[in-house]
Amino acid sequence: MNWRPPVPSQVTDTSGTTWLVRRAWPGPVAGEYVLEVRDAAGSGVLAAHLRQGNFEPVPSNDPMMPSLAQEAPRGTILVHRAHKRAVIHAGGQYIKVFRPGRALDAAIRHTLATIPAGDGPFLTPRILAADPDVIVFSSLPGRSYYELGHDHTTVTDESFSHTWTQWSRAWASTVSSTSSAGLRAGLDHLPEHPPEAEAVNLRRWINHWLRHSEGIPEAATGRAALLEQAQIALTRLTETPTDPLGWAHGDLHDKQILGAGPAAAPGLLDFDETCLAEAALDLANLDVHLELRLRQHLLTTRRYVIAHRSILATAQKLHVSPDRFAAYAACTRLRLACLYSFRPPWGADASQYLNDGGNPDTTGPREGMSSSTTPRTAARRPAAAGGRPVTGRRPRP
């Protein structure tokens, strides 16, 4: 993937104000992007569209989220993905705004998801108020593991290791507890996320990248490489024997876990994607995010190894099949490479990340799991020369 989507690192509005692009997503048409920007002072964020080079801000009276205009004055907008969701920090509370009617399902899912996670092993936000469009959550103490990872002033490698030991114990305890009959009955109301659903998610991101690179000569090599790697990853995901489905966070990464000191339980955030899935889904997603942090120079090699070994040890405790861990990790690498290629300043790194197969150069074999967790060198089927969208296998009925 030598070519990457031409998302600028900053944009200027009609008044001449410069905005820094914080995050970006592919739009429905090539050359169109959904942006989240902030000004130089860093006082909250603004949603926007970038259409054929034209910057179009989306104000807080987002027409697809009418409750945002009412809630925005209560605090600072931390997240605003245009027409989808927003998060506002208001004192000791966090207000999440949805499209009309979508907050109720999210509140139910949060309640079901936090029964096992928040009953001792983890601290989880409490729902303070909810209506069809808005959920108000309590705050939690501590800082994210993402922040702790690149803090070398107040966080030592030893204390960093301890935070990951805390997480490992809490995660293994939480996932193991959900196999009990009492908890399982309630969790059966959560949606299932089998391998076929993960395959659909990967295909969606690959097709985003193919749509935005179509007809661009510089992208031809990258398109062929992406399709080739996608076929291998999807085959591994859907054709190797699966592990049982159980409670899963659904979007576990280092920004979702909070550390508040050696005596406090770790915190866990954002249960919008909680589901029933293989344990490898969460563990591989977390592990690959840490690989990405290493490439972004946000983790030292030593700290990456500390966290990586903790994740693998947890996988062993939960009897995760090494083949399933490898399968989900391969899909996550491709998905993140596509996602981050749209985000300055990481676009170039994402391209290299895909070219290298997503594997850190400094850690050697994955300690604690069988060699099947490392990338395989099996024969690869050539990709379609034209770079057709990925359809993969039809999901099983």
Protein backbone atom coordinates (compact mmCIF):
# COMPACT_ATOMS: atom_id res chain seq x y z
CA MET A 1 0.00 0.00 0.00
CA ASN A 2 2.33 2.75 -1.24
CA TRP A 3 -0.57 5.10 -2.04
CA ARG A 4 -2.70 6.39 0.80
CA PRO A 5 -5.85 8.54 0.89
CA PRO A 6 -4.92 12.24 0.60
CA VAL A 7 -6.46 13.39 3.89
CA PRO A 8 -4.74 16.65 4.95
CA SER A 9 -3.33 17.11 8.44
CA GLN A 10 -5.05 20.50 8.73
CA VAL A 11 -7.89 22.38 7.07
CA THR A 12 -9.03 26.01 6.95
CA ASP A 13 -12.60 27.25 7.23
CA THR A 14 -14.12 30.23 5.42
CA SER A 15 -13.14 32.61 8.26
CA GLY A 16 -9.47 31.65 7.89
CA THR A 17 -9.33 29.55 11.09
CA THR A 18 -7.02 26.55 10.85
CA TRP A 19 -8.22 23.23 12.26
CA LEU A 20 -6.05 20.20 12.99
CA VAL A 21 -7.42 16.91 11.69
CA ARG A 22 -7.70 14.57 14.67
CA ARG A 23 -9.46 11.62 13.07
CA ALA A 24 -10.88 10.78 9.64
CA TRP A 25 -13.10 8.15 8.10
CA PRO A 26 -13.81 7.29 4.46
CA GLY A 27 -16.88 8.88 2.95
CA PRO A 28 -19.37 7.07 0.70
CA VAL A 29 -17.77 8.49 -2.46
CA ALA A 30 -14.09 8.50 -3.44
CA GLY A 31 -12.51 11.80 -2.44
CA GLU A 32 -15.02 12.46 0.36
CA TYR A 33 -14.06 12.07 4.03
CA VAL A 34 -15.68 12.48 7.42
CA LEU A 35 -13.43 14.48 9.76
CA GLU A 36 -13.10 15.21 13.44
CA VAL A 37 -11.00 18.35 13.92
CA ARG A 38 -9.81 20.57 16.76
CA ASP A 39 -8.43 24.08 16.84
CA ALA A 40 -4.89 24.91 17.93
CA ALA A 41 -6.05 25.57 21.50
CA GLY A 42 -7.43 22.05 21.73
CA SER A 43 -10.74 23.19 23.20
CA GLY A 44 -13.03 20.36 22.16
CA VAL A 45 -13.64 18.94 18.71
CA LEU A 46 -15.74 19.73 15.67
CA ALA A 47 -17.21 17.30 13.15
CA ALA A 48 -16.84 18.05 9.47
CA HIS A 49 -16.94 16.73 5.93
CA LEU A 50 -14.20 17.10 3.35
CA ARG A 51 -15.74 16.85 -0.10
CA GLN A 52 -13.43 17.13 -3.08
CA GLY A 53 -11.13 19.40 -1.08
CA ASN A 54 -13.90 21.58 0.38
CA PHE A 55 -14.04 21.76 4.19
CA GLU A 56 -17.63 21.73 5.49
CA PRO A 57 -17.97 21.96 9.31
CA VAL A 58 -20.90 20.25 11.03
CA PRO A 59 -22.08 22.43 13.93
CA SER A 60 -23.32 21.14 17.27
CA ASN A 61 -26.87 21.35 15.93
CA ASP A 62 -26.11 18.22 13.88
CA PRO A 63 -29.39 17.55 12.02
CA MET A 64 -29.10 13.78 12.46
CA MET A 65 -28.57 14.13 16.24
CA PRO A 66 -31.02 16.80 17.40
CA SER A 67 -30.25 16.23 21.09
CA LEU A 68 -26.62 17.32 20.61
CA ALA A 69 -27.53 21.02 20.37
CA GLN A 70 -29.23 20.80 23.76
CA GLU A 71 -26.47 18.80 25.46
CA ALA A 72 -23.38 20.51 23.98
CA PRO A 73 -23.53 23.67 26.20
CA ARG A 74 -23.25 21.46 29.30
CA GLY A 75 -19.54 20.76 28.75
CA THR A 76 -16.76 20.08 26.24
CA ILE A 77 -17.35 17.96 23.15
CA LEU A 78 -14.66 15.26 23.20
CA VAL A 79 -15.97 13.14 20.33
CA HIS A 80 -18.23 14.06 17.41
CA ARG A 81 -18.50 11.74 14.48
CA ALA A 82 -20.83 13.56 12.13
CA HIS A 83 -24.44 12.32 12.19
CA LYS A 84 -23.55 9.23 14.28
CA ARG A 85 -22.52 9.92 17.89
CA ALA A 86 -20.92 12.43 20.22
CA VAL A 87 -19.44 12.42 23.72
CA ILE A 88 -19.46 15.45 26.03
CA HIS A 89 -17.44 15.82 29.23
CA ALA A 90 -19.52 17.73 31.78
CA GLY A 91 -17.92 17.92 35.22
CA GLY A 92 -17.89 14.41 36.68
CA GLN A 93 -20.12 13.02 33.96
CA TYR A 94 -19.85 11.90 30.36
CA ILE A 95 -22.84 12.45 28.09
CA LYS A 96 -23.15 10.23 25.03
CA VAL A 97 -25.50 11.47 22.31
CA PHE A 98 -26.95 9.14 19.68
CA ARG A 99 -29.24 9.34 16.70
CA PRO A 100 -32.89 9.49 17.76
CA GLY A 101 -34.02 6.31 19.52
CA ARG A 102 -30.67 4.54 19.54
CA ALA A 103 -29.68 5.25 23.14
CA LEU A 104 -32.17 2.82 24.64
CA ASP A 105 -30.60 -0.27 23.05
CA ALA A 106 -27.15 1.02 24.02
CA ALA A 107 -28.28 1.43 27.63
CA ILE A 108 -29.65 -2.12 27.74
CA ARG A 109 -26.45 -3.51 26.25
CA HIS A 110 -24.33 -1.55 28.74
CA THR A 111 -26.39 -2.91 31.65
CA LEU A 112 -26.08 -6.51 30.46
CA ALA A 113 -22.40 -6.17 29.60
CA THR A 114 -21.33 -4.71 32.92
CA ILE A 115 -22.96 -7.39 35.07
CA PRO A 116 -19.86 -9.63 34.88
CA ALA A 117 -17.25 -6.91 34.26
CA GLY A 118 -18.37 -4.49 36.94
CA ASP A 119 -19.01 -6.95 39.76
CA GLY A 120 -15.53 -6.69 41.26
CA PRO A 121 -12.83 -7.37 38.61
CA PHE A 122 -13.34 -4.02 36.83
CA LEU A 123 -14.74 -0.63 37.65
CA THR A 124 -17.33 0.36 35.03
CA PRO A 125 -19.31 3.57 34.44
CA ARG A 126 -22.78 3.74 35.98
CA ILE A 127 -25.73 4.98 33.96
CA LEU A 128 -26.98 8.10 35.73
CA ALA A 129 -29.72 8.95 33.27
CA ALA A 130 -31.00 7.73 29.91
CA ASP A 131 -33.60 8.71 27.36
CA PRO A 132 -34.10 7.60 23.75
CA ASP A 133 -31.27 9.83 22.44
CA VAL A 134 -28.87 10.37 25.36
CA ILE A 135 -27.09 8.38 28.07
CA VAL A 136 -25.33 10.07 30.99
CA PHE A 137 -22.49 8.06 32.55
CA SER A 138 -20.52 8.47 35.74
CA SER A 139 -16.79 9.06 35.41
CA LEU A 140 -14.09 6.63 36.52
CA PRO A 141 -10.76 7.36 38.21
CA GLY A 142 -7.44 6.85 36.49
CA ARG A 143 -5.82 7.23 33.11
CA SER A 144 -6.04 5.02 30.06
CA TYR A 145 -3.43 2.35 29.47
CA TYR A 146 -2.71 4.24 26.23
CA GLU A 147 -1.66 7.30 28.26
CA LEU A 148 0.24 5.26 30.82
CA GLY A 149 2.17 3.54 28.04
CA HIS A 150 3.94 6.66 26.82
CA ASP A 151 4.30 8.38 30.21
CA HIS A 152 7.94 8.00 31.25
CA THR A 153 7.82 10.74 33.86
CA THR A 154 5.43 9.30 36.44
CA VAL A 155 5.12 5.70 35.20
CA THR A 156 8.04 3.28 35.57
CA ASP A 157 8.37 0.06 33.61
CA GLU A 158 7.78 -1.81 36.86
CA SER A 159 4.50 0.00 37.58
CA PHE A 160 3.47 -0.40 33.94
CA SER A 161 4.01 -4.13 34.28
CA HIS A 162 1.86 -4.16 37.41
CA THR A 163 -1.02 -2.44 35.61
CA TRP A 164 -1.00 -5.17 32.96
CA THR A 165 -0.90 -7.87 35.63
CA GLN A 166 -3.99 -6.24 37.17
CA TRP A 167 -5.74 -6.21 33.80
CA SER A 168 -4.83 -9.86 33.09
CA ARG A 169 -6.27 -11.08 36.37
CA ALA A 170 -9.42 -9.00 35.99
CA TRP A 171 -9.97 -10.02 32.36
CA ALA A 172 -9.45 -13.73 32.96
CA SER A 173 -11.75 -13.59 35.98
CA THR A 174 -14.46 -11.73 34.07
CA VAL A 175 -14.48 -13.95 30.99
CA SER A 176 -14.28 -17.15 33.06
CA SER A 177 -17.16 -16.09 35.30
CA THR A 178 -19.53 -15.64 32.37
CA SER A 179 -19.61 -19.37 31.73
CA SER A 180 -21.64 -19.88 34.92
CA ALA A 181 -25.30 -20.72 34.42
CA GLY A 182 -26.52 -17.68 36.35
CA LEU A 183 -24.65 -15.16 34.24
CA ARG A 184 -25.00 -16.96 30.94
CA ALA A 185 -28.79 -16.73 31.01
CA GLY A 186 -28.66 -12.93 31.02
CA LEU A 187 -25.86 -12.70 28.48
CA ASP A 188 -27.80 -14.73 25.94
CA HIS A 189 -29.67 -11.49 25.18
CA LEU A 190 -26.46 -9.99 23.76
CA PRO A 191 -25.98 -10.20 19.97
CA GLU A 192 -23.67 -12.87 18.61
CA HIS A 193 -20.50 -11.92 16.74
CA PRO A 194 -19.33 -15.14 15.06
CA PRO A 195 -16.34 -15.28 12.69
CA GLU A 196 -18.61 -14.49 9.73
CA ALA A 197 -19.53 -11.16 11.34
CA GLU A 198 -15.86 -10.30 11.78
CA ALA A 199 -15.27 -11.21 8.14
CA VAL A 200 -18.03 -8.80 7.10
CA ASN A 201 -16.37 -6.05 9.17
CA LEU A 202 -13.00 -6.64 7.51
CA ARG A 203 -14.50 -6.74 4.01
CA ARG A 204 -16.25 -3.43 4.69
CA TRP A 205 -12.95 -1.69 5.52
CA ILE A 206 -11.11 -3.27 2.61
CA ASN A 207 -13.85 -2.14 0.26
CA HIS A 208 -13.63 1.40 1.68
CA TRP A 209 -9.95 1.44 0.72
CA LEU A 210 -10.60 -0.08 -2.70
CA ARG A 211 -13.35 2.45 -3.43
CA HIS A 212 -11.15 5.43 -2.57
CA SER A 213 -8.15 4.08 -4.54
CA GLU A 214 -10.03 2.97 -7.66
CA GLY A 215 -8.52 4.20 -10.91
CA ILE A 216 -5.35 5.58 -9.26
CA PRO A 217 -2.25 4.09 -10.94
CA GLU A 218 -0.06 4.61 -7.86
CA ALA A 219 -2.46 2.45 -5.85
CA ALA A 220 -2.47 -0.57 -8.17
CA THR A 221 0.27 -2.47 -6.33
CA GLY A 222 -1.29 -1.75 -2.96
CA ARG A 223 -4.71 -2.88 -4.14
CA ALA A 224 -3.34 -6.20 -5.34
CA ALA A 225 -1.40 -6.73 -2.09
CA LEU A 226 -4.42 -5.85 0.02
CA LEU A 227 -6.67 -8.30 -1.81
CA GLU A 228 -4.06 -11.03 -1.55
CA GLN A 229 -3.63 -10.59 2.19
CA ALA A 230 -7.37 -10.28 2.69
CA GLN A 231 -8.03 -13.63 1.05
CA ILE A 232 -5.48 -15.32 3.30
CA ALA A 233 -6.83 -13.67 6.45
CA LEU A 234 -10.47 -14.42 5.63
CA THR A 235 -9.71 -18.04 4.81
CA ARG A 236 -7.90 -18.48 8.11
CA LEU A 237 -10.73 -16.82 10.02
CA THR A 238 -13.59 -18.82 8.50
CA GLU A 239 -11.99 -22.21 7.86
CA THR A 240 -10.13 -23.06 11.07
CA PRO A 241 -12.04 -24.67 13.97
CA THR A 242 -13.62 -22.06 16.23
CA ASP A 243 -13.51 -21.60 20.00
CA PRO A 244 -16.78 -21.30 21.97
CA LEU A 245 -18.63 -17.97 21.98
CA GLY A 246 -18.74 -16.12 25.29
CA TRP A 247 -18.95 -12.62 26.77
CA ALA A 248 -16.83 -10.16 24.79
CA HIS A 249 -16.26 -6.42 25.02
CA GLY A 250 -16.25 -6.19 21.23
CA ASP A 251 -13.88 -3.20 20.90
CA LEU A 252 -11.11 -3.79 23.42
CA HIS A 253 -8.02 -1.61 23.09
CA ASP A 254 -5.69 0.33 25.35
CA LYS A 255 -7.84 3.48 25.39
CA GLN A 256 -10.74 1.51 26.85
CA ILE A 257 -8.83 0.33 29.97
CA LEU A 258 -8.07 2.65 32.89
CA GLY A 259 -5.42 2.34 35.58
CA ALA A 260 -5.87 4.22 38.87
CA GLY A 261 -2.96 2.92 40.92
CA PRO A 262 -1.71 -0.35 42.42
CA ALA A 263 -4.53 -0.67 44.97
CA ALA A 264 -7.44 0.11 42.65
CA ALA A 265 -9.26 -2.20 40.29
CA PRO A 266 -8.76 -1.33 36.60
CA GLY A 267 -11.54 0.49 34.80
CA LEU A 268 -13.25 -0.61 31.61
CA LEU A 269 -15.13 1.72 29.23
CA ASP A 270 -17.49 1.74 26.25
CA PHE A 271 -19.71 -1.31 25.98
CA ASP A 272 -21.51 -0.29 22.79
CA GLU A 273 -20.10 -3.29 20.90
CA THR A 274 -20.43 -5.91 23.65
CA CYS A 275 -21.45 -9.26 22.21
CA LEU A 276 -21.03 -13.01 22.38
CA ALA A 277 -17.82 -13.88 20.54
CA GLU A 278 -14.69 -15.98 20.69
CA ALA A 279 -12.29 -14.83 23.39
CA ALA A 280 -9.68 -14.31 20.66
CA LEU A 281 -11.68 -11.40 19.24
CA ASP A 282 -10.89 -9.08 22.16
CA LEU A 283 -7.41 -10.36 22.94
CA ALA A 284 -6.17 -10.14 19.35
CA ASN A 285 -7.70 -6.68 18.90
CA LEU A 286 -5.93 -5.44 22.02
CA ASP A 287 -2.64 -7.05 21.05
CA VAL A 288 -2.61 -5.64 17.52
CA HIS A 289 -3.42 -2.15 18.83
CA LEU A 290 -0.27 -2.43 20.94
CA GLU A 291 1.73 -3.47 17.88
CA LEU A 292 0.44 -0.29 16.27
CA ARG A 293 1.48 1.81 19.30
CA LEU A 294 4.98 0.38 18.97
CA ARG A 295 5.11 1.45 15.33
CA GLN A 296 3.74 4.88 16.27
CA HIS A 297 6.60 5.20 18.80
CA LEU A 298 4.04 5.52 21.58
CA LEU A 299 5.37 2.39 23.32
CA THR A 300 8.96 1.40 23.88
CA THR A 301 9.96 -2.11 22.88
CA ARG A 302 10.23 -3.07 26.55
CA ARG A 303 6.73 -1.84 27.35
CA TYR A 304 5.29 -3.47 24.27
CA VAL A 305 6.80 -6.80 25.32
CA ILE A 306 5.42 -6.40 28.86
CA ALA A 307 1.88 -5.86 27.58
CA HIS A 308 2.15 -8.43 24.78
CA ARG A 309 3.27 -11.18 27.17
CA SER A 310 0.43 -10.31 29.54
CA ILE A 311 -2.10 -10.71 26.73
CA LEU A 312 -0.65 -14.05 25.65
CA ALA A 313 -0.63 -15.30 29.24
CA THR A 314 -4.30 -14.33 29.52
CA ALA A 315 -5.08 -16.16 26.29
CA GLN A 316 -3.52 -19.29 27.75
CA LYS A 317 -5.54 -18.98 30.96
CA LEU A 318 -8.71 -18.77 28.87
CA HIS A 319 -7.67 -21.72 26.65
CA VAL A 320 -7.72 -19.63 23.50
CA SER A 321 -6.64 -21.63 20.49
CA PRO A 322 -3.39 -20.19 19.05
CA ASP A 323 -4.84 -20.60 15.56
CA ARG A 324 -7.89 -18.52 16.47
CA PHE A 325 -5.74 -15.83 18.09
CA ALA A 326 -3.64 -15.70 14.90
CA ALA A 327 -6.74 -15.59 12.69
CA TYR A 328 -8.32 -12.65 14.50
CA ALA A 329 -4.98 -10.86 14.74
CA ALA A 330 -4.43 -11.11 10.98
CA CYS A 331 -7.88 -9.62 10.31
CA THR A 332 -7.33 -6.84 12.85
CA ARG A 333 -4.00 -5.87 11.25
CA LEU A 334 -5.61 -5.45 7.86
CA ARG A 335 -8.57 -3.56 9.27
CA LEU A 336 -6.37 -1.15 11.23
CA ALA A 337 -4.05 -0.65 8.26
CA CYS A 338 -7.06 0.41 6.18
CA LEU A 339 -8.54 2.57 8.95
CA TYR A 340 -5.32 4.37 9.88
CA SER A 341 -4.39 5.00 6.26
CA PHE A 342 -7.17 7.64 6.34
CA ARG A 343 -5.74 9.33 9.44
CA PRO A 344 -2.91 11.82 9.42
CA PRO A 345 -0.21 11.64 10.61
CA TRP A 346 -0.35 7.84 10.62
CA GLY A 347 -1.25 7.23 6.97
CA ALA A 348 2.28 6.45 5.83
CA ASP A 349 2.89 4.23 8.87
CA ALA A 350 -0.32 2.33 8.14
CA SER A 351 0.87 1.63 4.61
CA GLN A 352 4.19 0.30 5.88
CA TYR A 353 2.36 -1.62 8.59
CA LEU A 354 0.46 -3.54 5.94
CA ASN A 355 3.55 -4.09 3.78
CA ASP A 356 5.34 -5.63 6.78
CA GLY A 357 2.38 -7.82 7.67
CA GLY A 358 1.81 -5.85 10.85
CA ASN A 359 4.53 -7.62 12.78
CA PRO A 360 6.91 -5.74 15.07
CA ASP A 361 10.55 -6.25 14.10
CA THR A 362 11.91 -6.26 17.63
CA THR A 363 10.13 -8.97 19.57
CA GLY A 364 10.95 -12.22 17.84
CA PRO A 365 8.64 -15.22 18.18
CA ARG A 366 5.53 -14.84 20.28
CA GLU A 367 6.45 -16.21 23.63
CA GLY A 368 4.02 -18.48 25.42
CA MET A 369 1.97 -19.65 22.44
CA SER A 370 2.69 -22.15 19.72
CA SER A 371 4.46 -21.19 16.52
CA SER A 372 1.11 -21.18 14.75
CA THR A 373 0.53 -17.67 16.10
CA THR A 374 3.23 -16.28 13.85
CA PRO A 375 2.43 -15.42 10.22
CA ARG A 376 2.32 -18.42 7.98
CA THR A 377 4.20 -18.69 4.72
CA ALA A 378 1.63 -20.86 3.00
CA ALA A 379 1.21 -20.50 -0.73
CA ARG A 380 -0.87 -17.46 -1.61
CA ARG A 381 -3.47 -17.19 -4.30
CA PRO A 382 -2.91 -14.25 -6.63
CA ALA A 383 -5.26 -11.32 -6.28
CA ALA A 384 -7.51 -10.19 -9.07
CA ALA A 385 -5.54 -7.87 -11.29
CA GLY A 386 -8.29 -5.28 -11.35
CA GLY A 387 -8.56 -5.04 -7.58
CA ARG A 388 -12.23 -6.05 -7.31
CA PRO A 389 -14.10 -5.49 -4.06
CA VAL A 390 -13.82 -8.34 -1.59
CA THR A 391 -16.92 -10.49 -1.25
CA GLY A 392 -15.37 -13.56 0.36
CA ARG A 393 -17.53 -16.51 1.37
CA ARG A 394 -21.24 -16.22 1.91
CA PRO A 395 -21.91 -16.33 5.67
CA ARG A 396 -23.16 -19.68 6.86
CA PRO A 397 -26.92 -19.76 7.51
